[in-house]
Each structure stands twice: as C-alpha cells, then as structure tokens.
Amino acid sequence: MGRLWVPGAPGDAIVLTSAELAGVWKDERGGSLVLAGDGTFSASSACGDYFDPESDASSGFGLAPVKTGTGTWDLESGSPIEGGPAQSTVRIAFGPQGVSTAYEATGTVGAPTLWTYIGDPDSGERCILKKETTR
C-alpha cells in the first residue's frame, strides 16, 4: 500500500524581496538562520534539506538535517510550475562549493515562512522556518 497523504507547503506561495527576507528565522526545534542584507548568513542548528557536493550526501541519506556555520545566500523569484503562482526561493551555501540547501517562501509578507522537505518528500518530514518579528 502506498502513501495516503504527505504534508505539503505550509501556506500559499509568496514573493519576497531581499529586504523582506533579511532578519532572523527560527525553526520549531530551536535552530536559527540569520539572513543579512549583504547576502551573507549565519546558521545555528538550522534545519534544511542539505546537499554536500563533495561527498554526494544529502539530508535523510547520510547527511544531518541541521547545520551550523556561515556563508552566502541568494534569492530567485518566479513560477516553479508553468502558469503557477510566483514564489521566492532562497538558496544558502556554506562556503564556496560547500554544503547547500534551498527554501521556498510561503505565507504572507506579514507572516512569512521558509520551508523545504527533508530527504525524501514521501517521508513527510519538513523544515519550517518562521521569521521573528521585531517590536
């Protein structure tokens, strides 16, 4: 018997600017990802679906689904599916040619979420980062 239901995106696809992405993002396990306006980031036990091009390992397949370190990030926006809604994708990389992951933006501009599956999407395991609000 196959899978019955796998959770998908936590909310509707949205497009965010670099300025809207800059800030502190927290996951439900206490990890954090800080995206700086200059295109750099720092991560502290941040969840993700990481891929290591050197070892060809990925999260769920020999690589841990959390990572700590620094690196660079970039933003790409467009429709991942022809005719579908536009969405922002944030890609982070730990050093040149290093471990990387990508997150899709969902929710609203006022309450954005970055998310990705961890490992095989059929497992249903997701990484969900919510932006911390400043008061």
C-alpha atoms as a PDB file:
ATOM      1  CA  MET A   1       0.000   0.000   0.000  1.00  0.00           C
ATOM      2  CA  GLY A   2       1.360   3.446  -0.950  1.00  0.00           C
ATOM      3  CA  ARG A   3       1.304   6.661   0.967  1.00  0.00           C
ATOM      4  CA  LEU A   4      -2.052   8.215   1.698  1.00  0.00           C
ATOM      5  CA  TRP A   5      -1.058  11.818   2.327  1.00  0.00           C
ATOM      6  CA  VAL A   6       2.156  13.789   2.605  1.00  0.00           C
ATOM      7  CA  PRO A   7       2.029  17.317   4.023  1.00  0.00           C
ATOM      8  CA  GLY A   8       2.994  19.971   1.515  1.00  0.00           C
ATOM      9  CA  ALA A   9       3.711  23.655   1.704  1.00  0.00           C
ATOM     10  CA  PRO A  10       2.640  25.431   4.897  1.00  0.00           C
ATOM     11  CA  GLY A  11       0.655  28.195   3.162  1.00  0.00           C
ATOM     12  CA  ASP A  12       0.395  29.822  -0.233  1.00  0.00           C
ATOM     13  CA  ALA A  13       3.403  30.713  -2.375  1.00  0.00           C
ATOM     14  CA  ILE A  14       4.623  34.313  -1.985  1.00  0.00           C
ATOM     15  CA  VAL A  15       7.273  36.579  -3.471  1.00  0.00           C
ATOM     16  CA  LEU A  16       9.561  38.387  -1.035  1.00  0.00           C
ATOM     17  CA  THR A  17      12.257  40.990  -1.600  1.00  0.00           C
ATOM     18  CA  SER A  18      15.777  40.666  -0.208  1.00  0.00           C
ATOM     19  CA  ALA A  19      14.888  43.333   2.377  1.00  0.00           C
ATOM     20  CA  GLU A  20      11.820  41.320   3.475  1.00  0.00           C
ATOM     21  CA  LEU A  21      13.947  38.168   3.802  1.00  0.00           C
ATOM     22  CA  ALA A  22      16.695  39.814   5.855  1.00  0.00           C
ATOM     23  CA  GLY A  23      16.329  39.002   9.544  1.00  0.00           C
ATOM     24  CA  VAL A  24      16.133  36.112  11.985  1.00  0.00           C
ATOM     25  CA  TRP A  25      14.307  32.905  11.045  1.00  0.00           C
ATOM     26  CA  LYS A  26      13.613  30.186  13.657  1.00  0.00           C
ATOM     27  CA  ASP A  27      12.624  26.552  13.267  1.00  0.00           C
ATOM     28  CA  GLU A  28      10.439  24.538  15.632  1.00  0.00           C
ATOM     29  CA  ARG A  29      13.470  22.712  17.081  1.00  0.00           C
ATOM     30  CA  GLY A  30      15.198  25.917  18.228  1.00  0.00           C
ATOM     31  CA  GLY A  31      17.534  26.306  15.266  1.00  0.00           C
ATOM     32  CA  SER A  32      18.021  29.712  13.674  1.00  0.00           C
ATOM     33  CA  LEU A  33      19.042  31.211  10.361  1.00  0.00           C
ATOM     34  CA  VAL A  34      20.051  34.882  10.196  1.00  0.00           C
ATOM     35  CA  LEU A  35      19.911  36.353   6.684  1.00  0.00           C
ATOM     36  CA  ALA A  36      21.873  39.617   6.430  1.00  0.00           C
ATOM     37  CA  GLY A  37      21.044  42.306   3.897  1.00  0.00           C
ATOM     38  CA  ASP A  38      24.508  41.969   2.325  1.00  0.00           C
ATOM     39  CA  GLY A  39      23.860  38.395   1.124  1.00  0.00           C
ATOM     40  CA  THR A  40      25.637  36.611   3.979  1.00  0.00           C
ATOM     41  CA  PHE A  41      24.077  34.386   6.644  1.00  0.00           C
ATOM     42  CA  SER A  42      24.802  32.605   9.894  1.00  0.00           C
ATOM     43  CA  ALA A  43      23.092  29.403  10.961  1.00  0.00           C
ATOM     44  CA  SER A  44      22.846  27.786  14.380  1.00  0.00           C
ATOM     45  CA  SER A  45      21.471  24.233  14.189  1.00  0.00           C
ATOM     46  CA  ALA A  46      19.207  25.398  11.338  1.00  0.00           C
ATOM     47  CA  CYS A  47      17.120  22.690   9.703  1.00  0.00           C
ATOM     48  CA  GLY A  48      17.254  22.140   5.960  1.00  0.00           C
ATOM     49  CA  ASP A  49      17.496  19.600   3.172  1.00  0.00           C
ATOM     50  CA  TYR A  50      21.248  19.901   2.839  1.00  0.00           C
ATOM     51  CA  PHE A  51      23.393  18.581  -0.002  1.00  0.00           C
ATOM     52  CA  ASP A  52      27.178  18.125   0.070  1.00  0.00           C
ATOM     53  CA  PRO A  53      28.603  18.086  -3.475  1.00  0.00           C
ATOM     54  CA  GLU A  54      31.954  16.757  -2.239  1.00  0.00           C
ATOM     55  CA  SER A  55      30.556  13.548  -0.696  1.00  0.00           C
ATOM     56  CA  ASP A  56      27.307  13.479  -2.747  1.00  0.00           C
ATOM     57  CA  ALA A  57      25.420  13.011   0.555  1.00  0.00           C
ATOM     58  CA  SER A  58      22.145  14.729   1.383  1.00  0.00           C
ATOM     59  CA  SER A  59      19.846  15.070   4.391  1.00  0.00           C
ATOM     60  CA  GLY A  60      17.990  11.858   5.020  1.00  0.00           C
ATOM     61  CA  PHE A  61      20.724   9.999   3.117  1.00  0.00           C
ATOM     62  CA  GLY A  62      23.900  10.256   5.196  1.00  0.00           C
ATOM     63  CA  LEU A  63      23.918  13.993   5.972  1.00  0.00           C
ATOM     64  CA  ALA A  64      22.404  15.597   9.088  1.00  0.00           C
ATOM     65  CA  PRO A  65      19.250  17.732   8.592  1.00  0.00           C
ATOM     66  CA  VAL A  66      20.682  20.544  10.773  1.00  0.00           C
ATOM     67  CA  LYS A  67      23.766  22.682  10.224  1.00  0.00           C
ATOM     68  CA  THR A  68      25.706  25.439  11.956  1.00  0.00           C
ATOM     69  CA  GLY A  69      28.024  27.855  10.177  1.00  0.00           C
ATOM     70  CA  THR A  70      28.208  30.855   7.860  1.00  0.00           C
ATOM     71  CA  GLY A  71      28.057  31.507   4.145  1.00  0.00           C
ATOM     72  CA  THR A  72      26.139  33.348   1.458  1.00  0.00           C
ATOM     73  CA  TRP A  73      22.531  33.417   0.331  1.00  0.00           C
ATOM     74  CA  ASP A  74      20.703  34.485  -2.799  1.00  0.00           C
ATOM     75  CA  LEU A  75      17.128  34.979  -3.891  1.00  0.00           C
ATOM     76  CA  GLU A  76      15.331  33.829  -7.003  1.00  0.00           C
ATOM     77  CA  SER A  77      11.670  34.551  -7.720  1.00  0.00           C
ATOM     78  CA  GLY A  78       9.459  33.102 -10.415  1.00  0.00           C
ATOM     79  CA  SER A  79       6.930  30.381 -11.053  1.00  0.00           C
ATOM     80  CA  PRO A  80       8.298  26.879 -10.356  1.00  0.00           C
ATOM     81  CA  ILE A  81       5.410  25.456 -12.403  1.00  0.00           C
ATOM     82  CA  GLU A  82       4.452  26.881 -15.776  1.00  0.00           C
ATOM     83  CA  GLY A  83       1.361  29.040 -15.278  1.00  0.00           C
ATOM     84  CA  GLY A  84       1.540  28.638 -11.493  1.00  0.00           C
ATOM     85  CA  PRO A  85       1.895  31.365  -8.878  1.00  0.00           C
ATOM     86  CA  ALA A  86       5.207  33.175  -8.499  1.00  0.00           C
ATOM     87  CA  GLN A  87       7.292  32.187  -5.481  1.00  0.00           C
ATOM     88  CA  SER A  88      10.599  33.166  -3.925  1.00  0.00           C
ATOM     89  CA  THR A  89      13.329  30.570  -3.437  1.00  0.00           C
ATOM     90  CA  VAL A  90      16.171  31.275  -1.008  1.00  0.00           C
ATOM     91  CA  ARG A  91      19.404  29.342  -1.559  1.00  0.00           C
ATOM     92  CA  ILE A  92      22.125  29.210   1.085  1.00  0.00           C
ATOM     93  CA  ALA A  93      25.655  27.858   0.684  1.00  0.00           C
ATOM     94  CA  PHE A  94      28.248  27.241   3.370  1.00  0.00           C
ATOM     95  CA  GLY A  95      31.464  28.453   1.705  1.00  0.00           C
ATOM     96  CA  PRO A  96      32.464  28.078  -1.934  1.00  0.00           C
ATOM     97  CA  GLN A  97      31.409  24.730  -3.437  1.00  0.00           C
ATOM     98  CA  GLY A  98      30.120  23.714   0.009  1.00  0.00           C
ATOM     99  CA  VAL A  99      27.024  22.257   1.585  1.00  0.00           C
ATOM    100  CA  SER A 100      23.839  23.996   0.436  1.00  0.00           C
ATOM    101  CA  THR A 101      20.051  23.974   0.672  1.00  0.00           C
ATOM    102  CA  ALA A 102      17.076  25.898  -0.698  1.00  0.00           C
ATOM    103  CA  TYR A 103      13.846  27.063   0.907  1.00  0.00           C
ATOM    104  CA  GLU A 104      10.525  28.071  -0.685  1.00  0.00           C
ATOM    105  CA  ALA A 105       8.659  31.133   0.638  1.00  0.00           C
ATOM    106  CA  THR A 106       5.026  30.759   1.704  1.00  0.00           C
ATOM    107  CA  GLY A 107       2.533  32.569   3.932  1.00  0.00           C
ATOM    108  CA  THR A 108       2.106  36.322   3.796  1.00  0.00           C
ATOM    109  CA  VAL A 109       4.523  39.246   3.738  1.00  0.00           C
ATOM    110  CA  GLY A 110       3.464  39.996   7.327  1.00  0.00           C
ATOM    111  CA  ALA A 111       3.947  36.369   8.474  1.00  0.00           C
ATOM    112  CA  PRO A 112       6.340  34.672   6.024  1.00  0.00           C
ATOM    113  CA  THR A 113       7.590  31.100   6.211  1.00  0.00           C
ATOM    114  CA  LEU A 114      10.578  29.413   4.562  1.00  0.00           C
ATOM    115  CA  TRP A 115      10.252  25.672   4.133  1.00  0.00           C
ATOM    116  CA  THR A 116      11.591  22.547   2.434  1.00  0.00           C
ATOM    117  CA  TYR A 117      11.165  18.792   2.681  1.00  0.00           C
ATOM    118  CA  ILE A 118      13.982  16.964   4.466  1.00  0.00           C
ATOM    119  CA  GLY A 119      15.162  13.945   2.496  1.00  0.00           C
ATOM    120  CA  ASP A 120      12.544  12.015   0.549  1.00  0.00           C
ATOM    121  CA  PRO A 121       9.310  14.051   0.277  1.00  0.00           C
ATOM    122  CA  ASP A 122       7.374  10.792   0.733  1.00  0.00           C
ATOM    123  CA  SER A 123       8.636  10.715   4.340  1.00  0.00           C
ATOM    124  CA  GLY A 124       6.667  13.910   5.016  1.00  0.00           C
ATOM    125  CA  GLU A 125       9.469  15.401   7.141  1.00  0.00           C
ATOM    126  CA  ARG A 126       9.605  19.166   6.668  1.00  0.00           C
ATOM    127  CA  CYS A 127      11.825  22.005   7.806  1.00  0.00           C
ATOM    128  CA  ILE A 128       9.768  25.114   8.544  1.00  0.00           C
ATOM    129  CA  LEU A 129      11.397  28.441   9.457  1.00  0.00           C
ATOM    130  CA  LYS A 130       9.303  31.374  10.649  1.00  0.00           C
ATOM    131  CA  LYS A 131      10.549  34.936  10.624  1.00  0.00           C
ATOM    132  CA  GLU A 132      10.984  36.571  14.000  1.00  0.00           C
ATOM    133  CA  THR A 133       9.091  39.826  14.247  1.00  0.00           C
ATOM    134  CA  THR A 134      10.748  42.953  15.569  1.00  0.00           C
ATOM    135  CA  ARG A 135       8.805  45.017  18.041  1.00  0.00           C
END
